[in-house]
Amino acid sequence: MSIEFHMVAAAPEPVATFSHATEIDGWVFVTGQMPTVPGAPNAPLVSGIEAQAHQVMRNLAAVLEGVGLTLAHVTMARAYLTHFERDYAAFNAVYKSYFAEGKLPARTCIGVTALAKDALVEVDLVARRF
């Protein structure tokens, strides 16, 4: 068994030193995605939690697509919010819209003091090939 390191051309440029995803034995670990726009790493972030959450989810979907998976393969997610109390409900509404009814992955959502690029939200995933 060996670890595969994935960089996905259609995904946003990394904001730090990491692979978009790593994979071992059918398990795919997707690095936390920021609300940056692929191809425009220095563009200002979109404003507001809803817009940032949608961009993060699109970025996660792009990484998954780049390794031949979809959000339906996600088993676990971790979300990080810089304004937890203010943004939790709005984030949940956006997040839920990306998954089939009744098929939400396990998830942890954490309030944090800061994220790269001054983002309001970051999400990482664990997916499984089936």
C-alpha atoms as a PDB file:
ATOM      1  CA  MET A   1       0.000   0.000   0.000  1.00  0.00           C
ATOM      2  CA  SER A   2       1.303   3.440  -0.860  1.00  0.00           C
ATOM      3  CA  ILE A   3       0.014   6.951  -0.431  1.00  0.00           C
ATOM      4  CA  GLU A   4      -1.013   8.875  -3.547  1.00  0.00           C
ATOM      5  CA  PHE A   5      -0.605  12.643  -3.522  1.00  0.00           C
ATOM      6  CA  HIS A   6      -3.118  14.501  -5.704  1.00  0.00           C
ATOM      7  CA  MET A   7      -2.850  17.983  -7.176  1.00  0.00           C
ATOM      8  CA  VAL A   8      -5.941  18.943  -9.184  1.00  0.00           C
ATOM      9  CA  ALA A   9      -5.540  21.446 -12.021  1.00  0.00           C
ATOM     10  CA  ALA A  10      -9.148  22.702 -11.784  1.00  0.00           C
ATOM     11  CA  ALA A  11      -8.923  23.319  -8.033  1.00  0.00           C
ATOM     12  CA  PRO A  12      -7.724  26.558  -6.423  1.00  0.00           C
ATOM     13  CA  GLU A  13      -4.030  27.156  -6.018  1.00  0.00           C
ATOM     14  CA  PRO A  14      -2.938  26.053  -2.534  1.00  0.00           C
ATOM     15  CA  VAL A  15      -2.643  28.844   0.036  1.00  0.00           C
ATOM     16  CA  ALA A  16       0.110  26.891   1.809  1.00  0.00           C
ATOM     17  CA  THR A  17       2.313  23.834   1.292  1.00  0.00           C
ATOM     18  CA  PHE A  18      -0.015  20.865   0.776  1.00  0.00           C
ATOM     19  CA  SER A  19      -1.532  18.469  -1.732  1.00  0.00           C
ATOM     20  CA  HIS A  20      -5.184  18.972  -2.633  1.00  0.00           C
ATOM     21  CA  ALA A  21      -5.792  15.398  -1.477  1.00  0.00           C
ATOM     22  CA  THR A  22      -3.998  12.279  -0.374  1.00  0.00           C
ATOM     23  CA  GLU A  23      -5.268   8.764  -0.827  1.00  0.00           C
ATOM     24  CA  ILE A  24      -4.581   5.366   0.646  1.00  0.00           C
ATOM     25  CA  ASP A  25      -6.580   2.150   0.322  1.00  0.00           C
ATOM     26  CA  GLY A  26      -9.600   3.935  -1.222  1.00  0.00           C
ATOM     27  CA  TRP A  27      -9.745   6.620   1.474  1.00  0.00           C
ATOM     28  CA  VAL A  28      -9.346  10.162   0.152  1.00  0.00           C
ATOM     29  CA  PHE A  29      -8.410  12.996   2.519  1.00  0.00           C
ATOM     30  CA  VAL A  30      -9.178  16.410   1.034  1.00  0.00           C
ATOM     31  CA  THR A  31      -7.258  19.375   2.386  1.00  0.00           C
ATOM     32  CA  GLY A  32      -9.338  22.194   3.825  1.00  0.00           C
ATOM     33  CA  GLN A  33     -10.541  24.463   1.054  1.00  0.00           C
ATOM     34  CA  MET A  34     -10.773  28.205   1.304  1.00  0.00           C
ATOM     35  CA  PRO A  35     -13.232  30.482  -0.537  1.00  0.00           C
ATOM     36  CA  THR A  36     -10.603  31.342  -3.156  1.00  0.00           C
ATOM     37  CA  VAL A  37     -11.396  31.238  -6.864  1.00  0.00           C
ATOM     38  CA  PRO A  38      -9.489  28.746  -9.031  1.00  0.00           C
ATOM     39  CA  GLY A  39      -7.144  30.600 -11.368  1.00  0.00           C
ATOM     40  CA  ALA A  40      -7.325  33.806  -9.336  1.00  0.00           C
ATOM     41  CA  PRO A  41      -5.348  33.156  -6.132  1.00  0.00           C
ATOM     42  CA  ASN A  42      -4.832  36.841  -5.367  1.00  0.00           C
ATOM     43  CA  ALA A  43      -8.399  37.982  -6.047  1.00  0.00           C
ATOM     44  CA  PRO A  44     -10.299  39.327  -3.039  1.00  0.00           C
ATOM     45  CA  LEU A  45     -12.528  36.788  -1.329  1.00  0.00           C
ATOM     46  CA  VAL A  46     -16.250  37.037  -1.959  1.00  0.00           C
ATOM     47  CA  SER A  47     -18.124  38.776   0.855  1.00  0.00           C
ATOM     48  CA  GLY A  48     -20.367  37.099   3.409  1.00  0.00           C
ATOM     49  CA  ILE A  49     -20.654  33.622   4.828  1.00  0.00           C
ATOM     50  CA  GLU A  50     -23.139  32.344   2.243  1.00  0.00           C
ATOM     51  CA  ALA A  51     -20.991  33.351  -0.744  1.00  0.00           C
ATOM     52  CA  GLN A  52     -17.830  32.036   0.905  1.00  0.00           C
ATOM     53  CA  ALA A  53     -19.519  28.753   1.869  1.00  0.00           C
ATOM     54  CA  HIS A  54     -20.704  28.211  -1.712  1.00  0.00           C
ATOM     55  CA  GLN A  55     -17.180  28.860  -3.041  1.00  0.00           C
ATOM     56  CA  VAL A  56     -15.661  26.466  -0.517  1.00  0.00           C
ATOM     57  CA  MET A  57     -18.139  23.751  -1.482  1.00  0.00           C
ATOM     58  CA  ARG A  58     -17.457  24.313  -5.203  1.00  0.00           C
ATOM     59  CA  ASN A  59     -13.729  24.041  -4.493  1.00  0.00           C
ATOM     60  CA  LEU A  60     -14.197  20.803  -2.562  1.00  0.00           C
ATOM     61  CA  ALA A  61     -16.308  19.404  -5.401  1.00  0.00           C
ATOM     62  CA  ALA A  62     -13.558  20.362  -7.890  1.00  0.00           C
ATOM     63  CA  VAL A  63     -10.925  18.495  -5.876  1.00  0.00           C
ATOM     64  CA  LEU A  64     -13.167  15.443  -5.602  1.00  0.00           C
ATOM     65  CA  GLU A  65     -13.986  15.557  -9.320  1.00  0.00           C
ATOM     66  CA  GLY A  66     -10.277  15.746 -10.056  1.00  0.00           C
ATOM     67  CA  VAL A  67      -9.777  12.383  -8.344  1.00  0.00           C
ATOM     68  CA  GLY A  68     -12.896  10.800  -9.849  1.00  0.00           C
ATOM     69  CA  LEU A  69     -15.276  11.279  -6.910  1.00  0.00           C
ATOM     70  CA  THR A  70     -18.250  13.459  -5.966  1.00  0.00           C
ATOM     71  CA  LEU A  71     -19.683  14.849  -2.759  1.00  0.00           C
ATOM     72  CA  ALA A  72     -21.747  11.637  -2.548  1.00  0.00           C
ATOM     73  CA  HIS A  73     -18.500   9.856  -1.601  1.00  0.00           C
ATOM     74  CA  VAL A  74     -17.905  12.048   1.471  1.00  0.00           C
ATOM     75  CA  THR A  75     -17.989  10.222   4.790  1.00  0.00           C
ATOM     76  CA  MET A  76     -16.771  12.986   7.142  1.00  0.00           C
ATOM     77  CA  ALA A  77     -16.397  16.751   7.033  1.00  0.00           C
ATOM     78  CA  ARG A  78     -14.862  19.316   9.347  1.00  0.00           C
ATOM     79  CA  ALA A  79     -15.904  22.946   9.088  1.00  0.00           C
ATOM     80  CA  TYR A  80     -14.140  25.899  10.657  1.00  0.00           C
ATOM     81  CA  LEU A  81     -15.950  29.214  11.184  1.00  0.00           C
ATOM     82  CA  THR A  82     -14.319  32.437  12.375  1.00  0.00           C
ATOM     83  CA  HIS A  83     -17.671  33.902  13.523  1.00  0.00           C
ATOM     84  CA  PHE A  84     -19.313  30.758  14.834  1.00  0.00           C
ATOM     85  CA  GLU A  85     -22.396  32.172  16.540  1.00  0.00           C
ATOM     86  CA  ARG A  86     -23.139  34.676  13.775  1.00  0.00           C
ATOM     87  CA  ASP A  87     -22.530  32.359  10.798  1.00  0.00           C
ATOM     88  CA  TYR A  88     -23.438  28.849  11.986  1.00  0.00           C
ATOM     89  CA  ALA A  89     -27.058  28.773  10.766  1.00  0.00           C
ATOM     90  CA  ALA A  90     -26.280  30.399   7.420  1.00  0.00           C
ATOM     91  CA  PHE A  91     -23.338  28.073   6.839  1.00  0.00           C
ATOM     92  CA  ASN A  92     -25.467  25.022   7.658  1.00  0.00           C
ATOM     93  CA  ALA A  93     -28.108  26.050   5.102  1.00  0.00           C
ATOM     94  CA  VAL A  94     -25.526  26.339   2.331  1.00  0.00           C
ATOM     95  CA  TYR A  95     -23.641  23.191   3.340  1.00  0.00           C
ATOM     96  CA  LYS A  96     -26.779  21.046   3.484  1.00  0.00           C
ATOM     97  CA  SER A  97     -27.783  22.103  -0.040  1.00  0.00           C
ATOM     98  CA  TYR A  98     -24.786  20.230  -1.510  1.00  0.00           C
ATOM     99  CA  PHE A  99     -25.877  16.796  -0.266  1.00  0.00           C
ATOM    100  CA  ALA A 100     -28.830  14.536  -1.005  1.00  0.00           C
ATOM    101  CA  GLU A 101     -31.658  14.672   1.505  1.00  0.00           C
ATOM    102  CA  GLY A 102     -30.945  12.309   4.388  1.00  0.00           C
ATOM    103  CA  LYS A 103     -27.377  11.592   3.189  1.00  0.00           C
ATOM    104  CA  LEU A 104     -25.307  14.074   5.147  1.00  0.00           C
ATOM    105  CA  PRO A 105     -21.775  12.998   6.070  1.00  0.00           C
ATOM    106  CA  ALA A 106     -20.672  12.906   9.681  1.00  0.00           C
ATOM    107  CA  ARG A 107     -19.425  16.398  10.549  1.00  0.00           C
ATOM    108  CA  THR A 108     -17.701  18.510  13.147  1.00  0.00           C
ATOM    109  CA  CYS A 109     -18.042  22.306  13.078  1.00  0.00           C
ATOM    110  CA  ILE A 110     -15.578  24.364  15.080  1.00  0.00           C
ATOM    111  CA  GLY A 111     -15.291  28.048  15.898  1.00  0.00           C
ATOM    112  CA  VAL A 112     -11.761  29.358  15.317  1.00  0.00           C
ATOM    113  CA  THR A 113     -10.029  32.690  15.847  1.00  0.00           C
ATOM    114  CA  ALA A 114      -8.671  33.080  12.307  1.00  0.00           C
ATOM    115  CA  LEU A 115      -8.213  31.367   8.950  1.00  0.00           C
ATOM    116  CA  ALA A 116      -5.796  31.921   6.067  1.00  0.00           C
ATOM    117  CA  LYS A 117      -6.640  34.804   3.733  1.00  0.00           C
ATOM    118  CA  ASP A 118      -9.008  36.176   6.425  1.00  0.00           C
ATOM    119  CA  ALA A 119     -11.643  33.696   5.271  1.00  0.00           C
ATOM    120  CA  LEU A 120     -14.846  33.205   7.226  1.00  0.00           C
ATOM    121  CA  VAL A 121     -14.990  29.458   6.534  1.00  0.00           C
ATOM    122  CA  GLU A 122     -12.834  26.466   5.641  1.00  0.00           C
ATOM    123  CA  VAL A 123     -13.953  22.859   5.171  1.00  0.00           C
ATOM    124  CA  ASP A 124     -11.965  19.633   4.833  1.00  0.00           C
ATOM    125  CA  LEU A 125     -13.296  16.204   3.896  1.00  0.00           C
ATOM    126  CA  VAL A 126     -12.737  12.490   4.088  1.00  0.00           C
ATOM    127  CA  ALA A 127     -14.175  10.485   1.198  1.00  0.00           C
ATOM    128  CA  ARG A 128     -14.205   6.794   0.296  1.00  0.00           C
ATOM    129  CA  ARG A 129     -14.218   5.121  -3.084  1.00  0.00           C
ATOM    130  CA  PHE A 130     -17.037   2.607  -3.525  1.00  0.00           C
END
